[in-house]
Amino acid sequence: MGNLRRQWKWPAGKSRSAMRPGLREKELTMKAFVNCFKSFIRDEEGATATEYAVMLALIIVISLAGISALGEKVSDVFVDIESAMP
């Protein structure tokens, strides 16, 4: 919070007494959110994490498709075996 207070400046023409109570906290919170979002966009690690998330999602989708396709074939094999038994 100390770092955030150093970065924040009062709007031009406004004084602390002119602002409503609680408004300063909302502005600080919003400013902190915007700063965090901007640093996340600029940061290369955020892009890397997104790439890993996309790769993981693709692996999961492909695995589920493979398991469902394989499951149907295995089921057909067991049905064939069951029908061949007396």
C-alpha atoms as a PDB file:
ATOM      1  CA  MET A   1       0.000   0.000   0.000  1.00  0.00           C
ATOM      2  CA  GLY A   2       2.910   2.332   0.676  1.00  0.00           C
ATOM      3  CA  ASN A   3       4.129   1.985  -2.914  1.00  0.00           C
ATOM      4  CA  LEU A   4       0.645   2.740  -4.191  1.00  0.00           C
ATOM      5  CA  ARG A   5       0.414   5.922  -2.129  1.00  0.00           C
ATOM      6  CA  ARG A   6       3.679   7.192  -3.578  1.00  0.00           C
ATOM      7  CA  GLN A   7       2.429   6.680  -7.154  1.00  0.00           C
ATOM      8  CA  TRP A   8      -0.967   8.268  -6.633  1.00  0.00           C
ATOM      9  CA  LYS A   9      -1.436  12.027  -7.095  1.00  0.00           C
ATOM     10  CA  TRP A  10      -4.424  14.189  -6.391  1.00  0.00           C
ATOM     11  CA  PRO A  11      -6.399  15.314  -9.468  1.00  0.00           C
ATOM     12  CA  ALA A  12      -5.622  18.836 -10.667  1.00  0.00           C
ATOM     13  CA  GLY A  13      -7.697  21.468  -8.876  1.00  0.00           C
ATOM     14  CA  LYS A  14      -8.923  19.080  -6.181  1.00  0.00           C
ATOM     15  CA  SER A  15      -7.993  19.092  -2.528  1.00  0.00           C
ATOM     16  CA  ARG A  16      -8.377  16.385   0.062  1.00  0.00           C
ATOM     17  CA  SER A  17     -11.118  18.279   1.821  1.00  0.00           C
ATOM     18  CA  ALA A  18     -13.092  18.721  -1.412  1.00  0.00           C
ATOM     19  CA  MET A  19     -13.273  15.005  -2.065  1.00  0.00           C
ATOM     20  CA  ARG A  20     -15.970  12.853  -0.500  1.00  0.00           C
ATOM     21  CA  PRO A  21     -14.920  10.339   2.161  1.00  0.00           C
ATOM     22  CA  GLY A  22     -14.375   6.912   0.626  1.00  0.00           C
ATOM     23  CA  LEU A  23     -13.838   8.287  -2.863  1.00  0.00           C
ATOM     24  CA  ARG A  24     -10.075   8.316  -2.388  1.00  0.00           C
ATOM     25  CA  GLU A  25     -10.040   4.623  -1.500  1.00  0.00           C
ATOM     26  CA  LYS A  26     -12.104   3.772  -4.597  1.00  0.00           C
ATOM     27  CA  GLU A  27      -9.784   5.795  -6.814  1.00  0.00           C
ATOM     28  CA  LEU A  28      -6.734   4.157  -5.250  1.00  0.00           C
ATOM     29  CA  THR A  29      -8.241   0.708  -5.720  1.00  0.00           C
ATOM     30  CA  MET A  30      -9.154   1.382  -9.354  1.00  0.00           C
ATOM     31  CA  LYS A  31      -5.769   2.939 -10.065  1.00  0.00           C
ATOM     32  CA  ALA A  32      -4.029  -0.073  -8.496  1.00  0.00           C
ATOM     33  CA  PHE A  33      -6.145  -2.411 -10.641  1.00  0.00           C
ATOM     34  CA  VAL A  34      -5.335  -0.467 -13.814  1.00  0.00           C
ATOM     35  CA  ASN A  35      -1.621  -0.432 -12.955  1.00  0.00           C
ATOM     36  CA  CYS A  36      -1.620  -4.168 -12.285  1.00  0.00           C
ATOM     37  CA  PHE A  37      -3.468  -4.825 -15.547  1.00  0.00           C
ATOM     38  CA  LYS A  38      -1.040  -2.663 -17.530  1.00  0.00           C
ATOM     39  CA  SER A  39       1.981  -4.395 -15.998  1.00  0.00           C
ATOM     40  CA  PHE A  40       0.413  -7.802 -16.721  1.00  0.00           C
ATOM     41  CA  ILE A  41      -0.102  -6.847 -20.387  1.00  0.00           C
ATOM     42  CA  ARG A  42       3.483  -5.592 -20.691  1.00  0.00           C
ATOM     43  CA  ASP A  43       4.961  -8.582 -18.869  1.00  0.00           C
ATOM     44  CA  GLU A  44       6.204 -11.454 -21.041  1.00  0.00           C
ATOM     45  CA  GLU A  45       5.457 -14.009 -18.328  1.00  0.00           C
ATOM     46  CA  GLY A  46       1.749 -13.289 -18.732  1.00  0.00           C
ATOM     47  CA  ALA A  47       1.977 -14.228 -22.405  1.00  0.00           C
ATOM     48  CA  THR A  48       3.848 -17.398 -21.543  1.00  0.00           C
ATOM     49  CA  ALA A  49       1.236 -18.395 -18.968  1.00  0.00           C
ATOM     50  CA  THR A  50      -1.493 -17.820 -21.549  1.00  0.00           C
ATOM     51  CA  GLU A  51       0.328 -19.957 -24.096  1.00  0.00           C
ATOM     52  CA  TYR A  52       0.671 -22.775 -21.568  1.00  0.00           C
ATOM     53  CA  ALA A  53      -3.029 -22.509 -20.723  1.00  0.00           C
ATOM     54  CA  VAL A  54      -3.974 -22.771 -24.413  1.00  0.00           C
ATOM     55  CA  MET A  55      -1.670 -25.767 -24.895  1.00  0.00           C
ATOM     56  CA  LEU A  56      -3.140 -27.462 -21.830  1.00  0.00           C
ATOM     57  CA  ALA A  57      -6.682 -26.862 -23.089  1.00  0.00           C
ATOM     58  CA  LEU A  58      -5.795 -28.364 -26.481  1.00  0.00           C
ATOM     59  CA  ILE A  59      -4.191 -31.408 -24.845  1.00  0.00           C
ATOM     60  CA  ILE A  60      -7.306 -31.940 -22.730  1.00  0.00           C
ATOM     61  CA  VAL A  61      -9.634 -31.649 -25.740  1.00  0.00           C
ATOM     62  CA  ILE A  62      -7.541 -34.055 -27.823  1.00  0.00           C
ATOM     63  CA  SER A  63      -7.296 -36.510 -24.915  1.00  0.00           C
ATOM     64  CA  LEU A  64     -11.048 -36.467 -24.353  1.00  0.00           C
ATOM     65  CA  ALA A  65     -11.725 -36.985 -28.048  1.00  0.00           C
ATOM     66  CA  GLY A  66      -9.254 -39.885 -28.171  1.00  0.00           C
ATOM     67  CA  ILE A  67     -10.649 -41.508 -25.046  1.00  0.00           C
ATOM     68  CA  SER A  68     -14.239 -41.250 -26.276  1.00  0.00           C
ATOM     69  CA  ALA A  69     -13.323 -42.692 -29.703  1.00  0.00           C
ATOM     70  CA  LEU A  70     -11.287 -45.482 -28.137  1.00  0.00           C
ATOM     71  CA  GLY A  71     -14.026 -46.151 -25.597  1.00  0.00           C
ATOM     72  CA  GLU A  72     -16.559 -46.840 -28.349  1.00  0.00           C
ATOM     73  CA  LYS A  73     -14.206 -49.298 -30.055  1.00  0.00           C
ATOM     74  CA  VAL A  74     -13.469 -51.113 -26.795  1.00  0.00           C
ATOM     75  CA  SER A  75     -17.184 -51.303 -26.091  1.00  0.00           C
ATOM     76  CA  ASP A  76     -17.787 -52.800 -29.540  1.00  0.00           C
ATOM     77  CA  VAL A  77     -15.082 -55.425 -28.902  1.00  0.00           C
ATOM     78  CA  PHE A  78     -16.714 -56.464 -25.612  1.00  0.00           C
ATOM     79  CA  VAL A  79     -20.133 -56.654 -27.299  1.00  0.00           C
ATOM     80  CA  ASP A  80     -18.649 -58.899 -30.003  1.00  0.00           C
ATOM     81  CA  ILE A  81     -17.034 -61.129 -27.371  1.00  0.00           C
ATOM     82  CA  GLU A  82     -20.261 -61.319 -25.386  1.00  0.00           C
ATOM     83  CA  SER A  83     -22.282 -62.273 -28.463  1.00  0.00           C
ATOM     84  CA  ALA A  84     -19.724 -64.970 -29.399  1.00  0.00           C
ATOM     85  CA  MET A  85     -20.048 -66.640 -25.983  1.00  0.00           C
ATOM     86  CA  PRO A  86     -22.657 -69.420 -25.679  1.00  0.00           C
END
